[in-house]
Amino acid sequence: MSESVSVRCPACRREHLYAAPVYPCACGAPVAPALDPQGTATAVTHRAWDDEWAGVRCGACDRESQWPRPEVGCPCGTVLLVPVARADAGETRPKAPPAARRPFQPVTIRTARDAVTAAAVYLRWLGYRDIRRADQRPPTGIGIAAHGLLAQVDPTVRPASLRDVECLWLTAMTESAACVYFSLAGYAPDARTRADALGVPLFVLDLTGTPQPVNGLADELDAEGAAR
């Protein structure tokens, strides 16, 4: 069970009791952002990628990963960012060897942000590290990257096109990285054919947050995980 803190809305002064969400670390252990009970919640006035992620350190393997920064919606309409303590605050625990890959624990998708989180959780489960925002913004969707990998998450209701797949592949080629595509609405037939020819794994994200392999390359990635 994660910790809870009292959060006051600066707009209407209403108090909220907030519990930090729990995510699965790549080693399989549950982790949650360390909330700062002395901090002050701030209202979200505009969205910036760097402000929406926080470092969270796993108590089992001491790995630090980036997870969505906690936020809560007030009935008055204000969205509040919950204050988070530094990932390196407190005593550092000794590192333990990661356990074998455990059953995947999906993140339910309700928003575009959830789709990105679900893809990031899945990539960590596969064994990819250092998940972050991609250096180059894709023409559609949202780009995320890991060591040796470039991923594109398309949360729109339009099936990904041949051009979408080719743009991802070309960008990955310039960075000497592998690539993978996640789409909520699936893929156009010619996009699937082109992905097979270029070696791009394709996944469809269902609303439970579980990536479903679309082609054989995705089946292999799901079964084998990240290259060691």
Protein backbone atom coordinates (compact mmCIF):
# COMPACT_ATOMS: atom_id res chain seq x y z
CA MET A 1 0.00 0.00 0.00
CA SER A 2 1.49 3.37 -1.00
CA GLU A 3 1.65 6.39 1.30
CA SER A 4 -1.06 9.06 1.38
CA VAL A 5 -0.73 12.80 1.84
CA SER A 6 -3.17 15.67 2.23
CA VAL A 7 -3.26 17.94 -0.83
CA ARG A 8 -4.88 21.38 -0.75
CA CYS A 9 -6.19 22.98 -3.94
CA PRO A 10 -4.80 26.54 -4.22
CA ALA A 11 -7.88 27.65 -6.17
CA CYS A 12 -10.77 26.54 -3.94
CA ARG A 13 -8.83 25.46 -0.80
CA ARG A 14 -10.48 22.04 -0.83
CA GLU A 15 -8.44 19.26 0.85
CA HIS A 16 -7.81 15.94 -0.90
CA LEU A 17 -6.29 12.75 0.50
CA TYR A 18 -4.01 11.40 -2.23
CA ALA A 19 -2.33 7.98 -2.42
CA ALA A 20 0.68 7.57 -4.71
CA PRO A 21 0.20 5.17 -7.67
CA VAL A 22 2.25 1.97 -7.68
CA TYR A 23 4.15 0.83 -10.79
CA PRO A 24 6.13 -2.34 -11.54
CA CYS A 25 9.92 -1.93 -11.69
CA ALA A 26 11.80 -3.85 -14.38
CA CYS A 27 12.90 -6.25 -11.62
CA GLY A 28 9.25 -6.97 -10.81
CA ALA A 29 9.07 -5.14 -7.48
CA PRO A 30 6.32 -2.54 -6.91
CA VAL A 31 7.52 1.06 -6.69
CA ALA A 32 5.73 4.34 -5.97
CA PRO A 33 6.82 7.99 -6.05
CA ALA A 34 7.91 9.27 -2.64
CA LEU A 35 5.45 12.05 -1.82
CA ASP A 36 6.62 15.16 0.02
CA PRO A 37 4.18 15.85 2.89
CA GLN A 38 5.81 19.24 3.50
CA GLY A 39 5.50 20.35 -0.10
CA THR A 40 2.75 22.45 -1.68
CA ALA A 41 0.61 21.28 -4.58
CA THR A 42 0.72 23.48 -7.66
CA ALA A 43 -1.93 24.00 -10.32
CA VAL A 44 -1.21 22.83 -13.86
CA THR A 45 -1.47 25.87 -16.14
CA HIS A 46 0.29 24.35 -19.16
CA ARG A 47 1.71 20.97 -20.08
CA ALA A 48 5.47 20.42 -20.44
CA TRP A 49 6.94 16.95 -20.86
CA ASP A 50 9.82 17.44 -18.40
CA ASP A 51 7.42 18.58 -15.68
CA GLU A 52 5.27 15.46 -15.98
CA TRP A 53 7.93 12.89 -15.05
CA ALA A 54 9.63 12.19 -11.72
CA GLY A 55 12.53 9.97 -10.72
CA VAL A 56 11.48 6.94 -8.66
CA ARG A 57 14.03 4.62 -7.06
CA CYS A 58 13.24 0.92 -6.56
CA GLY A 59 13.88 -0.31 -3.02
CA ALA A 60 14.61 -3.84 -4.25
CA CYS A 61 17.23 -3.31 -6.98
CA ASP A 62 18.05 0.42 -6.44
CA ARG A 63 17.26 1.20 -10.10
CA GLU A 64 15.99 4.72 -10.75
CA SER A 65 13.32 5.12 -13.45
CA GLN A 66 11.17 7.96 -14.73
CA TRP A 67 7.42 7.63 -14.03
CA PRO A 68 4.49 10.03 -14.50
CA ARG A 69 4.49 12.70 -11.82
CA PRO A 70 1.49 12.28 -9.48
CA GLU A 71 -1.43 14.60 -10.09
CA VAL A 72 -5.02 14.88 -8.88
CA GLY A 73 -8.07 16.57 -10.34
CA CYS A 74 -10.08 18.83 -8.05
CA PRO A 75 -13.89 19.10 -8.50
CA CYS A 76 -13.41 22.84 -9.08
CA GLY A 77 -11.65 21.96 -12.35
CA THR A 78 -8.06 22.56 -11.25
CA VAL A 79 -5.45 19.86 -11.95
CA LEU A 80 -2.88 19.66 -9.16
CA LEU A 81 0.70 18.43 -9.32
CA VAL A 82 1.43 16.56 -6.09
CA PRO A 83 4.84 17.40 -4.55
CA VAL A 84 7.36 14.56 -4.87
CA ALA A 85 10.51 13.98 -2.82
CA ARG A 86 13.84 13.48 -4.60
CA ALA A 87 14.50 9.94 -5.81
CA ASP A 88 17.84 9.88 -3.99
CA ALA A 89 16.50 11.24 -0.71
CA GLY A 90 17.03 9.03 2.31
CA GLU A 91 19.20 5.98 2.74
CA THR A 92 20.39 4.15 -0.36
CA ARG A 93 19.68 0.45 -0.20
CA PRO A 94 22.20 -2.11 -1.44
CA LYS A 95 21.62 -3.31 -4.96
CA ALA A 96 20.11 -6.74 -5.52
CA PRO A 97 20.19 -8.71 -8.76
CA PRO A 98 16.93 -8.27 -10.77
CA ALA A 99 14.58 -11.21 -10.77
CA ALA A 100 13.38 -12.98 -13.91
CA ARG A 101 10.74 -11.17 -15.95
CA ARG A 102 7.42 -11.41 -14.13
CA PRO A 103 3.89 -11.28 -15.56
CA PHE A 104 3.20 -7.93 -17.20
CA GLN A 105 1.10 -5.51 -15.12
CA PRO A 106 -0.71 -3.13 -17.50
CA VAL A 107 -1.71 0.50 -16.90
CA THR A 108 -5.31 1.28 -17.86
CA ILE A 109 -5.55 3.76 -20.75
CA ARG A 110 -7.97 6.67 -20.41
CA THR A 111 -5.92 9.50 -21.90
CA ALA A 112 -3.07 10.03 -24.37
CA ARG A 113 -0.74 10.39 -21.39
CA ASP A 114 -1.87 6.96 -20.16
CA ALA A 115 -1.00 5.47 -23.56
CA VAL A 116 2.56 6.77 -23.28
CA THR A 117 2.81 5.46 -19.72
CA ALA A 118 1.50 2.04 -20.80
CA ALA A 119 4.10 1.83 -23.57
CA ALA A 120 6.88 2.90 -21.18
CA VAL A 121 5.80 0.32 -18.59
CA TYR A 122 5.82 -2.37 -21.27
CA LEU A 123 9.27 -1.42 -22.55
CA ARG A 124 10.64 -1.55 -19.01
CA TRP A 125 9.05 -4.96 -18.58
CA LEU A 126 10.85 -6.09 -21.73
CA GLY A 127 14.12 -4.99 -20.14
CA TYR A 128 14.80 -1.60 -21.77
CA ARG A 129 16.36 1.04 -19.54
CA ASP A 130 16.61 4.81 -19.39
CA ILE A 131 13.14 5.46 -20.83
CA ARG A 132 12.90 9.15 -21.75
CA ARG A 133 11.42 11.59 -24.24
CA ALA A 134 12.78 11.12 -27.75
CA ASP A 135 15.11 13.85 -28.97
CA GLN A 136 13.12 14.32 -32.18
CA ARG A 137 9.36 14.82 -32.15
CA PRO A 138 7.59 12.49 -34.62
CA PRO A 139 5.13 13.88 -37.21
CA THR A 140 2.31 12.13 -35.35
CA GLY A 141 1.99 10.75 -31.86
CA ILE A 142 4.63 10.91 -29.13
CA GLY A 143 8.20 9.68 -29.30
CA ILE A 144 9.93 7.93 -26.41
CA ALA A 145 13.38 6.41 -26.35
CA ALA A 146 15.47 3.92 -24.41
CA HIS A 147 19.04 2.73 -24.72
CA GLY A 148 19.31 1.50 -28.32
CA LEU A 149 15.59 1.91 -29.03
CA LEU A 150 13.22 4.50 -30.46
CA ALA A 151 9.48 4.04 -29.92
CA GLN A 152 6.46 5.91 -31.25
CA VAL A 153 3.13 5.98 -29.42
CA ASP A 154 0.11 7.00 -31.50
CA PRO A 155 -2.90 7.68 -29.21
CA THR A 156 -5.18 8.95 -32.00
CA VAL A 157 -8.23 7.18 -33.45
CA ARG A 158 -6.64 7.05 -36.91
CA PRO A 159 -4.84 3.88 -37.99
CA ALA A 160 -1.10 4.45 -38.40
CA SER A 161 -0.14 4.97 -42.03
CA LEU A 162 2.71 3.70 -44.19
CA ARG A 163 4.33 7.15 -43.90
CA ASP A 164 4.14 7.00 -40.09
CA VAL A 165 6.01 3.69 -40.04
CA GLU A 166 8.60 4.86 -42.57
CA CYS A 167 9.27 8.11 -40.67
CA LEU A 168 9.87 6.17 -37.45
CA TRP A 169 12.21 3.76 -39.20
CA LEU A 170 14.19 6.55 -40.90
CA THR A 171 14.59 8.46 -37.63
CA ALA A 172 15.75 5.31 -35.86
CA MET A 173 18.25 4.65 -38.67
CA THR A 174 19.82 8.09 -38.21
CA GLU A 175 20.25 7.31 -34.49
CA SER A 176 21.56 3.77 -35.09
CA ALA A 177 18.69 2.42 -32.98
CA ALA A 178 16.02 -0.22 -33.28
CA CYS A 179 12.41 0.95 -33.34
CA VAL A 180 8.92 -0.14 -32.31
CA TYR A 181 5.47 1.33 -32.93
CA PHE A 182 2.49 1.42 -30.54
CA SER A 183 -0.94 2.43 -31.86
CA LEU A 184 -4.38 2.61 -30.28
CA ALA A 185 -6.24 2.39 -33.60
CA GLY A 186 -4.17 -0.22 -35.44
CA TYR A 187 -2.45 0.07 -38.82
CA ALA A 188 -3.33 0.53 -42.46
CA PRO A 189 -2.69 -2.66 -44.52
CA ASP A 190 0.21 -1.11 -46.46
CA ALA A 191 1.74 0.10 -43.17
CA ARG A 192 1.80 -3.47 -41.86
CA THR A 193 3.39 -4.74 -45.07
CA ARG A 194 6.03 -2.01 -44.99
CA ALA A 195 6.78 -2.63 -41.30
CA ASP A 196 7.50 -6.29 -42.05
CA ALA A 197 9.90 -5.29 -44.83
CA LEU A 198 11.70 -2.72 -42.66
CA GLY A 199 11.82 -4.86 -39.52
CA VAL A 200 9.56 -2.70 -37.35
CA PRO A 201 7.60 -4.47 -34.56
CA LEU A 202 4.00 -3.27 -34.43
CA PHE A 203 1.76 -3.32 -31.35
CA VAL A 204 -1.82 -2.28 -30.72
CA LEU A 205 -2.56 -0.87 -27.27
CA ASP A 206 -5.90 -2.05 -25.93
CA LEU A 207 -7.67 0.03 -23.28
CA THR A 208 -6.38 -2.21 -20.49
CA GLY A 209 -2.90 -0.97 -21.40
CA THR A 210 -1.69 -4.33 -22.67
CA PRO A 211 0.27 -4.15 -25.96
CA GLN A 212 -0.94 -6.77 -28.44
CA PRO A 213 1.58 -7.90 -31.10
CA VAL A 214 0.40 -7.24 -34.66
CA ASN A 215 3.24 -8.80 -36.66
CA GLY A 216 5.78 -11.58 -36.19
CA LEU A 217 8.50 -9.13 -35.19
CA ALA A 218 6.35 -7.93 -32.30
CA ASP A 219 5.66 -11.53 -31.29
CA GLU A 220 9.41 -12.16 -31.09
CA LEU A 221 10.05 -9.00 -29.08
CA ASP A 222 7.27 -9.87 -26.65
CA ALA A 223 8.66 -13.36 -26.14
CA GLU A 224 12.38 -12.56 -25.99
CA GLY A 225 12.48 -9.09 -24.47
CA ALA A 226 15.27 -6.57 -24.91
CA ALA A 227 18.59 -7.78 -26.29
CA ARG A 228 21.16 -8.21 -23.54
